[in-house]
């Protein structure tokens, strides 16, 4: 998941004191799986088109260059493809977190990167191409009872602890994570990300829905660009106008292009 330390107020594993039901994915299952497959494909296409110099470019995630980000994404795809790999890495990350005091997700991403330091960029691309279809298939095959089950522990979001289901991670977070890192990589390498209304617009609309449920905005929201749209909220107020990708970057905790842009969103975090 994108909760890399220093990117935003961390979405961390913690003990839950909240009796609220665990958060579930709001996406239709078939749509969620279509988004997953397309996002893996688009990220793989982006990696395949990078130049040798691009791989060392710094990203918006502090301490991560493009290569480290790709190693993390490859690690996440491998986990999605295999429950055995998921269990192996979670056990290893738990041991590391207990030893170092890191948050679980930061221990996990550090291991994913460390295990791939010997891979060349070409090997990362080839491995990602092989793994991506298996990752999409693995997520599609997770049974309902598993997706409805509660994820162990709780996640820290907007200063509070909240429970999640496995399905929220499988159907929503894993796609958001890959999508945001595709944006990060595009920005780091000076490329315009491939954006379409049917794919990216659906991801953004889901983020808008979650943001509005967490923040209860007033007035209306107008997001520009191919992934944008317009939403009107029940309470009267002004119209907020932002680029759709910038809107998501701000909610993920990444630095806003303008400080005023972040302020109008209420300082509310949406997990990626």
C-alpha atoms as a PDB file:
ATOM      1  CA  UNK A   1       0.000   0.000   0.000  1.00  0.00           C
ATOM      2  CA  UNK A   2       1.106   3.583  -0.580  1.00  0.00           C
ATOM      3  CA  UNK A   3       1.519   4.452   3.081  1.00  0.00           C
ATOM      4  CA  UNK A   4       5.271   4.898   2.622  1.00  0.00           C
ATOM      5  CA  UNK A   5       6.744   6.800   5.534  1.00  0.00           C
ATOM      6  CA  UNK A   6       7.035  10.517   4.944  1.00  0.00           C
ATOM      7  CA  UNK A   7       4.451  10.586   2.159  1.00  0.00           C
ATOM      8  CA  UNK A   8       1.556  11.601   4.411  1.00  0.00           C
ATOM      9  CA  UNK A   9       0.236  11.078   7.933  1.00  0.00           C
ATOM     10  CA  UNK A  10       0.823   7.333   7.906  1.00  0.00           C
ATOM     11  CA  UNK A  11      -1.915   4.782   7.446  1.00  0.00           C
ATOM     12  CA  UNK A  12      -0.538   2.449  10.082  1.00  0.00           C
ATOM     13  CA  UNK A  13      -1.453  -0.800  11.735  1.00  0.00           C
ATOM     14  CA  UNK A  14      -2.719  -0.206  15.262  1.00  0.00           C
ATOM     15  CA  UNK A  15      -5.131  -1.513  17.849  1.00  0.00           C
ATOM     16  CA  UNK A  16      -8.692  -0.470  17.095  1.00  0.00           C
ATOM     17  CA  UNK A  17     -10.789   1.245  19.728  1.00  0.00           C
ATOM     18  CA  UNK A  18     -13.633   1.828  17.282  1.00  0.00           C
ATOM     19  CA  UNK A  19     -16.689  -0.424  17.327  1.00  0.00           C
ATOM     20  CA  UNK A  20     -17.709   0.676  13.829  1.00  0.00           C
ATOM     21  CA  UNK A  21     -18.087  -2.031  11.181  1.00  0.00           C
ATOM     22  CA  UNK A  22     -14.981  -2.558   9.032  1.00  0.00           C
ATOM     23  CA  UNK A  23     -14.686  -0.492   5.854  1.00  0.00           C
ATOM     24  CA  UNK A  24     -15.671  -2.353   2.714  1.00  0.00           C
ATOM     25  CA  UNK A  25     -15.059  -1.618  -0.935  1.00  0.00           C
ATOM     26  CA  UNK A  26     -17.778   0.521  -2.488  1.00  0.00           C
ATOM     27  CA  UNK A  27     -16.918  -0.682  -5.987  1.00  0.00           C
ATOM     28  CA  UNK A  28     -18.948  -3.269  -7.844  1.00  0.00           C
ATOM     29  CA  UNK A  29     -16.867  -6.448  -7.826  1.00  0.00           C
ATOM     30  CA  UNK A  30     -16.745  -6.808 -11.618  1.00  0.00           C
ATOM     31  CA  UNK A  31     -15.740  -3.163 -12.029  1.00  0.00           C
ATOM     32  CA  UNK A  32     -13.075  -3.493  -9.335  1.00  0.00           C
ATOM     33  CA  UNK A  33     -11.512  -6.447 -11.124  1.00  0.00           C
ATOM     34  CA  UNK A  34     -11.617  -4.671 -14.486  1.00  0.00           C
ATOM     35  CA  UNK A  35      -9.820  -1.701 -12.920  1.00  0.00           C
ATOM     36  CA  UNK A  36      -7.205  -4.000 -11.382  1.00  0.00           C
ATOM     37  CA  UNK A  37      -6.335  -5.661 -14.677  1.00  0.00           C
ATOM     38  CA  UNK A  38      -6.151  -2.394 -16.592  1.00  0.00           C
ATOM     39  CA  UNK A  39      -4.027  -0.695 -13.952  1.00  0.00           C
ATOM     40  CA  UNK A  40      -1.482  -3.515 -13.885  1.00  0.00           C
ATOM     41  CA  UNK A  41      -1.271  -3.282 -17.671  1.00  0.00           C
ATOM     42  CA  UNK A  42      -0.799   0.485 -17.712  1.00  0.00           C
ATOM     43  CA  UNK A  43       1.858   0.468 -15.019  1.00  0.00           C
ATOM     44  CA  UNK A  44       3.730  -2.288 -16.850  1.00  0.00           C
ATOM     45  CA  UNK A  45       3.531  -0.302 -20.086  1.00  0.00           C
ATOM     46  CA  UNK A  46       4.946   2.752 -18.325  1.00  0.00           C
ATOM     47  CA  UNK A  47       7.881   0.789 -16.895  1.00  0.00           C
ATOM     48  CA  UNK A  48       8.624  -0.772 -20.274  1.00  0.00           C
ATOM     49  CA  UNK A  49       8.982   2.675 -21.846  1.00  0.00           C
ATOM     50  CA  UNK A  50      11.427   4.131 -19.326  1.00  0.00           C
ATOM     51  CA  UNK A  51      14.961   5.102 -20.301  1.00  0.00           C
ATOM     52  CA  UNK A  52      17.990   3.955 -18.260  1.00  0.00           C
ATOM     53  CA  UNK A  53      18.250   7.416 -16.679  1.00  0.00           C
ATOM     54  CA  UNK A  54      14.587   7.382 -15.627  1.00  0.00           C
ATOM     55  CA  UNK A  55      15.074   4.568 -13.134  1.00  0.00           C
ATOM     56  CA  UNK A  56      17.156   6.689 -10.760  1.00  0.00           C
ATOM     57  CA  UNK A  57      14.820   9.708 -10.819  1.00  0.00           C
ATOM     58  CA  UNK A  58      13.500  10.729  -7.362  1.00  0.00           C
ATOM     59  CA  UNK A  59       9.772  10.425  -6.765  1.00  0.00           C
ATOM     60  CA  UNK A  60       7.250  12.177  -4.519  1.00  0.00           C
ATOM     61  CA  UNK A  61       7.742   9.381  -1.966  1.00  0.00           C
ATOM     62  CA  UNK A  62      10.729  10.554   0.134  1.00  0.00           C
ATOM     63  CA  UNK A  63      13.741   8.281  -0.243  1.00  0.00           C
ATOM     64  CA  UNK A  64      12.302   6.353  -3.165  1.00  0.00           C
ATOM     65  CA  UNK A  65      13.518   6.586  -6.729  1.00  0.00           C
ATOM     66  CA  UNK A  66      11.631   5.103  -9.668  1.00  0.00           C
ATOM     67  CA  UNK A  67      13.436   1.785  -9.377  1.00  0.00           C
ATOM     68  CA  UNK A  68      12.574   1.366  -5.688  1.00  0.00           C
ATOM     69  CA  UNK A  69       8.959   2.225  -6.420  1.00  0.00           C
ATOM     70  CA  UNK A  70       8.869  -0.386  -9.174  1.00  0.00           C
ATOM     71  CA  UNK A  71      10.387  -2.973  -6.827  1.00  0.00           C
ATOM     72  CA  UNK A  72       7.647  -2.235  -4.293  1.00  0.00           C
ATOM     73  CA  UNK A  73       4.939  -2.513  -6.942  1.00  0.00           C
ATOM     74  CA  UNK A  74       6.392  -5.801  -8.148  1.00  0.00           C
ATOM     75  CA  UNK A  75       6.376  -7.061  -4.568  1.00  0.00           C
ATOM     76  CA  UNK A  76       2.742  -6.059  -4.133  1.00  0.00           C
ATOM     77  CA  UNK A  77       1.792  -7.780  -7.379  1.00  0.00           C
ATOM     78  CA  UNK A  78       3.523 -10.971  -6.253  1.00  0.00           C
ATOM     79  CA  UNK A  79       1.589 -10.852  -2.976  1.00  0.00           C
ATOM     80  CA  UNK A  80      -1.688 -10.385  -4.838  1.00  0.00           C
ATOM     81  CA  UNK A  81      -0.833 -13.360  -7.039  1.00  0.00           C
ATOM     82  CA  UNK A  82      -0.157 -15.783  -4.185  1.00  0.00           C
ATOM     83  CA  UNK A  83      -1.564 -16.286  -0.686  1.00  0.00           C
ATOM     84  CA  UNK A  84       1.609 -18.203   0.181  1.00  0.00           C
ATOM     85  CA  UNK A  85       3.704 -15.168  -0.761  1.00  0.00           C
ATOM     86  CA  UNK A  86       1.353 -12.919   1.195  1.00  0.00           C
ATOM     87  CA  UNK A  87       1.758 -14.987   4.339  1.00  0.00           C
ATOM     88  CA  UNK A  88       5.548 -15.260   3.887  1.00  0.00           C
ATOM     89  CA  UNK A  89       6.022 -11.526   3.551  1.00  0.00           C
ATOM     90  CA  UNK A  90       3.614 -10.596   6.323  1.00  0.00           C
ATOM     91  CA  UNK A  91       5.368 -12.912   8.767  1.00  0.00           C
ATOM     92  CA  UNK A  92       8.742 -11.498   7.725  1.00  0.00           C
ATOM     93  CA  UNK A  93       7.472  -7.911   7.954  1.00  0.00           C
ATOM     94  CA  UNK A  94       5.937  -8.527  11.370  1.00  0.00           C
ATOM     95  CA  UNK A  95       9.270  -9.817  12.682  1.00  0.00           C
ATOM     96  CA  UNK A  96      11.093  -6.818  11.245  1.00  0.00           C
ATOM     97  CA  UNK A  97       8.547  -4.350  12.639  1.00  0.00           C
ATOM     98  CA  UNK A  98       8.817  -5.853  16.115  1.00  0.00           C
ATOM     99  CA  UNK A  99      12.597  -5.618  15.952  1.00  0.00           C
ATOM    100  CA  UNK A 100      12.935  -2.118  14.461  1.00  0.00           C
ATOM    101  CA  UNK A 101       9.792  -0.382  15.707  1.00  0.00           C
ATOM    102  CA  UNK A 102       8.707   0.410  12.134  1.00  0.00           C
ATOM    103  CA  UNK A 103       5.084   0.409  11.172  1.00  0.00           C
ATOM    104  CA  UNK A 104       4.050  -2.873   9.572  1.00  0.00           C
ATOM    105  CA  UNK A 105       3.457  -1.426   6.109  1.00  0.00           C
ATOM    106  CA  UNK A 106       6.832   0.347   6.107  1.00  0.00           C
ATOM    107  CA  UNK A 107       8.574  -2.872   7.127  1.00  0.00           C
ATOM    108  CA  UNK A 108       6.737  -4.672   4.337  1.00  0.00           C
ATOM    109  CA  UNK A 109       7.714  -2.192   1.619  1.00  0.00           C
ATOM    110  CA  UNK A 110      11.316  -2.105   2.830  1.00  0.00           C
ATOM    111  CA  UNK A 111      11.520  -5.890   2.474  1.00  0.00           C
ATOM    112  CA  UNK A 112       9.940  -5.806  -0.984  1.00  0.00           C
ATOM    113  CA  UNK A 113      12.594  -3.352  -2.140  1.00  0.00           C
ATOM    114  CA  UNK A 114      15.508  -5.077  -0.394  1.00  0.00           C
ATOM    115  CA  UNK A 115      14.644  -8.457  -1.932  1.00  0.00           C
ATOM    116  CA  UNK A 116      14.945  -6.954  -5.423  1.00  0.00           C
ATOM    117  CA  UNK A 117      18.097  -4.870  -5.181  1.00  0.00           C
ATOM    118  CA  UNK A 118      19.975  -7.291  -7.460  1.00  0.00           C
ATOM    119  CA  UNK A 119      17.412  -7.069 -10.281  1.00  0.00           C
ATOM    120  CA  UNK A 120      18.169  -4.916 -13.287  1.00  0.00           C
ATOM    121  CA  UNK A 121      15.441  -2.598 -14.609  1.00  0.00           C
ATOM    122  CA  UNK A 122      14.905  -4.986 -17.531  1.00  0.00           C
ATOM    123  CA  UNK A 123      14.456  -7.889 -15.106  1.00  0.00           C
ATOM    124  CA  UNK A 124      11.974  -5.885 -13.031  1.00  0.00           C
ATOM    125  CA  UNK A 125       9.952  -5.100 -16.151  1.00  0.00           C
ATOM    126  CA  UNK A 126       9.976  -8.720 -17.311  1.00  0.00           C
ATOM    127  CA  UNK A 127       9.029 -10.019 -13.860  1.00  0.00           C
ATOM    128  CA  UNK A 128       6.234  -7.474 -13.564  1.00  0.00           C
ATOM    129  CA  UNK A 129       4.880  -8.428 -16.989  1.00  0.00           C
ATOM    130  CA  UNK A 130       4.807 -12.098 -15.926  1.00  0.00           C
ATOM    131  CA  UNK A 131       3.325 -11.392 -12.515  1.00  0.00           C
ATOM    132  CA  UNK A 132       0.643  -8.813 -13.362  1.00  0.00           C
ATOM    133  CA  UNK A 133      -1.849 -11.240 -14.986  1.00  0.00           C
ATOM    134  CA  UNK A 134      -1.391 -13.648 -12.091  1.00  0.00           C
ATOM    135  CA  UNK A 135      -1.972 -10.798  -9.621  1.00  0.00           C
ATOM    136  CA  UNK A 136      -5.215  -9.801 -11.323  1.00  0.00           C
ATOM    137  CA  UNK A 137      -6.300 -13.440 -11.409  1.00  0.00           C
ATOM    138  CA  UNK A 138      -5.362 -13.980  -7.759  1.00  0.00           C
ATOM    139  CA  UNK A 139      -7.426 -11.005  -6.639  1.00  0.00           C
ATOM    140  CA  UNK A 140     -10.356 -12.122  -8.768  1.00  0.00           C
ATOM    141  CA  UNK A 141     -10.291 -15.591  -7.206  1.00  0.00           C
ATOM    142  CA  UNK A 142     -10.365 -14.496  -3.564  1.00  0.00           C
ATOM    143  CA  UNK A 143     -13.618 -15.963  -2.183  1.00  0.00           C
ATOM    144  CA  UNK A 144     -16.376 -13.851  -0.679  1.00  0.00           C
ATOM    145  CA  UNK A 145     -15.901 -15.152   2.851  1.00  0.00           C
ATOM    146  CA  UNK A 146     -12.256 -14.044   2.722  1.00  0.00           C
ATOM    147  CA  UNK A 147     -13.017 -10.606   1.265  1.00  0.00           C
ATOM    148  CA  UNK A 148     -15.710  -9.982   3.878  1.00  0.00           C
ATOM    149  CA  UNK A 149     -13.403 -10.982   6.749  1.00  0.00           C
ATOM    150  CA  UNK A 150     -11.869  -8.300   8.901  1.00  0.00           C
ATOM    151  CA  UNK A 151      -8.221  -7.394   8.367  1.00  0.00           C
ATOM    152  CA  UNK A 152      -6.195  -7.986  11.578  1.00  0.00           C
ATOM    153  CA  UNK A 153      -5.521  -4.852  13.600  1.00  0.00           C
ATOM    154  CA  UNK A 154      -6.689  -1.415  12.512  1.00  0.00           C
ATOM    155  CA  UNK A 155      -5.558   1.278  10.130  1.00  0.00           C
ATOM    156  CA  UNK A 156      -4.737   4.821  11.231  1.00  0.00           C
ATOM    157  CA  UNK A 157      -6.586   7.260   8.972  1.00  0.00           C
ATOM    158  CA  UNK A 158      -7.189  10.946   9.766  1.00  0.00           C
ATOM    159  CA  UNK A 159      -5.842  10.484  13.274  1.00  0.00           C
ATOM    160  CA  UNK A 160      -8.153   7.630  14.200  1.00  0.00           C
ATOM    161  CA  UNK A 161      -8.057   3.853  14.073  1.00  0.00           C
ATOM    162  CA  UNK A 162     -10.499   2.142  11.745  1.00  0.00           C
ATOM    163  CA  UNK A 163     -11.048  -1.507  10.814  1.00  0.00           C
ATOM    164  CA  UNK A 164     -10.932  -2.669   7.195  1.00  0.00           C
ATOM    165  CA  UNK A 165     -12.052  -5.828   5.440  1.00  0.00           C
ATOM    166  CA  UNK A 166      -9.673  -7.827   3.266  1.00  0.00           C
ATOM    167  CA  UNK A 167     -11.997  -6.949   0.401  1.00  0.00           C
ATOM    168  CA  UNK A 168     -11.363  -3.231   0.831  1.00  0.00           C
ATOM    169  CA  UNK A 169      -7.664  -3.900   0.320  1.00  0.00           C
ATOM    170  CA  UNK A 170      -8.142  -6.410  -2.530  1.00  0.00           C
ATOM    171  CA  UNK A 171     -10.808  -4.530  -4.491  1.00  0.00           C
ATOM    172  CA  UNK A 172      -9.854  -0.909  -3.766  1.00  0.00           C
ATOM    173  CA  UNK A 173      -6.538  -0.186  -2.068  1.00  0.00           C
ATOM    174  CA  UNK A 174      -4.285  -2.375  -4.228  1.00  0.00           C
ATOM    175  CA  UNK A 175      -5.562  -0.635  -7.368  1.00  0.00           C
ATOM    176  CA  UNK A 176      -5.318   2.849  -5.838  1.00  0.00           C
ATOM    177  CA  UNK A 177      -1.765   2.098  -4.698  1.00  0.00           C
ATOM    178  CA  UNK A 178      -0.629   1.032  -8.161  1.00  0.00           C
ATOM    179  CA  UNK A 179      -2.482   3.950  -9.783  1.00  0.00           C
ATOM    180  CA  UNK A 180      -0.882   6.545  -7.519  1.00  0.00           C
ATOM    181  CA  UNK A 181       2.571   5.073  -8.087  1.00  0.00           C
ATOM    182  CA  UNK A 182       1.948   5.229 -11.833  1.00  0.00           C
ATOM    183  CA  UNK A 183       1.245   8.929 -11.348  1.00  0.00           C
ATOM    184  CA  UNK A 184       4.385   9.267  -9.184  1.00  0.00           C
ATOM    185  CA  UNK A 185       6.518   7.568 -11.818  1.00  0.00           C
ATOM    186  CA  UNK A 186       5.062   9.657 -14.621  1.00  0.00           C
ATOM    187  CA  UNK A 187       5.772  12.859 -12.723  1.00  0.00           C
ATOM    188  CA  UNK A 188       9.290  11.765 -11.816  1.00  0.00           C
ATOM    189  CA  UNK A 189      10.157  10.989 -15.437  1.00  0.00           C
ATOM    190  CA  UNK A 190       8.405  13.941 -17.062  1.00  0.00           C
ATOM    191  CA  UNK A 191       5.675  11.906 -18.729  1.00  0.00           C
ATOM    192  CA  UNK A 192       1.950  12.528 -18.931  1.00  0.00           C
ATOM    193  CA  UNK A 193       0.113   9.549 -17.409  1.00  0.00           C
ATOM    194  CA  UNK A 194      -2.342   7.716 -19.626  1.00  0.00           C
ATOM    195  CA  UNK A 195      -5.774   8.810 -18.370  1.00  0.00           C
ATOM    196  CA  UNK A 196      -9.220   7.778 -19.605  1.00  0.00           C
ATOM    197  CA  UNK A 197     -12.692   8.417 -18.260  1.00  0.00           C
ATOM    198  CA  UNK A 198     -13.720   4.754 -18.101  1.00  0.00           C
ATOM    199  CA  UNK A 199     -10.678   3.658 -16.078  1.00  0.00           C
ATOM    200  CA  UNK A 200      -9.078   6.577 -14.259  1.00  0.00           C
ATOM    201  CA  UNK A 201     -12.378   8.440 -14.021  1.00  0.00           C
ATOM    202  CA  UNK A 202     -13.904   5.475 -12.193  1.00  0.00           C
ATOM    203  CA  UNK A 203     -11.003   5.343  -9.731  1.00  0.00           C
ATOM    204  CA  UNK A 204     -11.257   9.084  -9.101  1.00  0.00           C
ATOM    205  CA  UNK A 205     -15.043   8.929  -8.644  1.00  0.00           C
ATOM    206  CA  UNK A 206     -14.594   6.243  -5.987  1.00  0.00           C
ATOM    207  CA  UNK A 207     -12.037   8.449  -4.215  1.00  0.00           C
ATOM    208  CA  UNK A 208     -14.462  11.395  -4.360  1.00  0.00           C
ATOM    209  CA  UNK A 209     -17.206   9.267  -2.811  1.00  0.00           C
ATOM    210  CA  UNK A 210     -14.951   8.186   0.045  1.00  0.00           C
ATOM    211  CA  UNK A 211     -13.636  11.726   0.586  1.00  0.00           C
ATOM    212  CA  UNK A 212     -17.165  13.133   0.776  1.00  0.00           C
ATOM    213  CA  UNK A 213     -18.178  10.452   3.287  1.00  0.00           C
ATOM    214  CA  UNK A 214     -15.185  11.293   5.478  1.00  0.00           C
ATOM    215  CA  UNK A 215     -15.285  15.088   5.140  1.00  0.00           C
ATOM    216  CA  UNK A 216     -18.928  16.011   4.308  1.00  0.00           C
ATOM    217  CA  UNK A 217     -18.061  18.842   1.923  1.00  0.00           C
ATOM    218  CA  UNK A 218     -20.497  21.596   0.925  1.00  0.00           C
ATOM    219  CA  UNK A 219     -21.214  23.112  -2.462  1.00  0.00           C
ATOM    220  CA  UNK A 220     -19.777  21.282  -5.429  1.00  0.00           C
ATOM    221  CA  UNK A 221     -16.546  19.757  -6.665  1.00  0.00           C
ATOM    222  CA  UNK A 222     -15.328  20.144 -10.244  1.00  0.00           C
ATOM    223  CA  UNK A 223     -12.365  18.004 -11.218  1.00  0.00           C
ATOM    224  CA  UNK A 224     -10.769  18.707 -14.573  1.00  0.00           C
ATOM    225  CA  UNK A 225      -8.934  16.475 -17.023  1.00  0.00           C
ATOM    226  CA  UNK A 226      -9.824  13.126 -18.617  1.00  0.00           C
ATOM    227  CA  UNK A 227     -10.418  11.519 -15.192  1.00  0.00           C
ATOM    228  CA  UNK A 228     -12.536  14.398 -13.879  1.00  0.00           C
ATOM    229  CA  UNK A 229     -16.208  15.144 -13.353  1.00  0.00           C
ATOM    230  CA  UNK A 230     -18.554  17.298 -11.301  1.00  0.00           C
ATOM    231  CA  UNK A 231     -20.220  16.421  -7.996  1.00  0.00           C
ATOM    232  CA  UNK A 232     -22.792  18.460  -6.052  1.00  0.00           C
ATOM    233  CA  UNK A 233     -23.160  17.973  -2.301  1.00  0.00           C
ATOM    234  CA  UNK A 234     -26.316  18.500  -0.190  1.00  0.00           C
ATOM    235  CA  UNK A 235     -25.188  21.555   1.772  1.00  0.00           C
ATOM    236  CA  UNK A 236     -24.789  24.907  -0.052  1.00  0.00           C
ATOM    237  CA  UNK A 237     -21.290  26.247  -0.590  1.00  0.00           C
ATOM    238  CA  UNK A 238     -18.675  27.253  -3.098  1.00  0.00           C
ATOM    239  CA  UNK A 239     -17.387  25.240  -6.045  1.00  0.00           C
ATOM    240  CA  UNK A 240     -13.969  23.646  -5.596  1.00  0.00           C
ATOM    241  CA  UNK A 241     -12.098  23.299  -8.899  1.00  0.00           C
ATOM    242  CA  UNK A 242      -8.988  21.121  -9.138  1.00  0.00           C
ATOM    243  CA  UNK A 243      -7.246  18.812 -11.571  1.00  0.00           C
ATOM    244  CA  UNK A 244      -8.488  15.279 -10.907  1.00  0.00           C
ATOM    245  CA  UNK A 245      -5.020  13.779 -10.437  1.00  0.00           C
ATOM    246  CA  UNK A 246      -3.933  16.670  -8.196  1.00  0.00           C
ATOM    247  CA  UNK A 247      -7.061  16.116  -6.080  1.00  0.00           C
ATOM    248  CA  UNK A 248      -6.048  12.499  -5.459  1.00  0.00           C
ATOM    249  CA  UNK A 249      -2.405  13.396  -4.826  1.00  0.00           C
ATOM    250  CA  UNK A 250      -3.443  15.866  -2.129  1.00  0.00           C
ATOM    251  CA  UNK A 251      -5.746  13.361  -0.431  1.00  0.00           C
ATOM    252  CA  UNK A 252      -2.896  10.811  -0.447  1.00  0.00           C
ATOM    253  CA  UNK A 253      -0.701  13.292   1.442  1.00  0.00           C
ATOM    254  CA  UNK A 254       1.600  14.178  -1.422  1.00  0.00           C
ATOM    255  CA  UNK A 255       2.719  17.810  -1.680  1.00  0.00           C
ATOM    256  CA  UNK A 256       0.180  20.063  -3.361  1.00  0.00           C
ATOM    257  CA  UNK A 257       1.192  22.209  -6.287  1.00  0.00           C
ATOM    258  CA  UNK A 258      -0.308  25.144  -4.383  1.00  0.00           C
ATOM    259  CA  UNK A 259      -0.908  25.274  -0.623  1.00  0.00           C
ATOM    260  CA  UNK A 260      -4.368  26.731  -1.189  1.00  0.00           C
ATOM    261  CA  UNK A 261      -5.391  23.614  -3.086  1.00  0.00           C
ATOM    262  CA  UNK A 262      -4.744  21.406  -0.069  1.00  0.00           C
ATOM    263  CA  UNK A 263      -6.575  23.766   2.268  1.00  0.00           C
ATOM    264  CA  UNK A 264      -9.868  23.620   0.376  1.00  0.00           C
ATOM    265  CA  UNK A 265     -10.042  19.840   0.808  1.00  0.00           C
ATOM    266  CA  UNK A 266     -10.238  20.108   4.575  1.00  0.00           C
ATOM    267  CA  UNK A 267      -6.978  18.326   5.327  1.00  0.00           C
ATOM    268  CA  UNK A 268      -8.811  15.027   4.955  1.00  0.00           C
ATOM    269  CA  UNK A 269      -6.881  11.873   4.087  1.00  0.00           C
ATOM    270  CA  UNK A 270      -8.141   9.126   1.811  1.00  0.00           C
ATOM    271  CA  UNK A 271      -6.002   5.966   1.936  1.00  0.00           C
ATOM    272  CA  UNK A 272      -4.155   4.848  -1.153  1.00  0.00           C
END
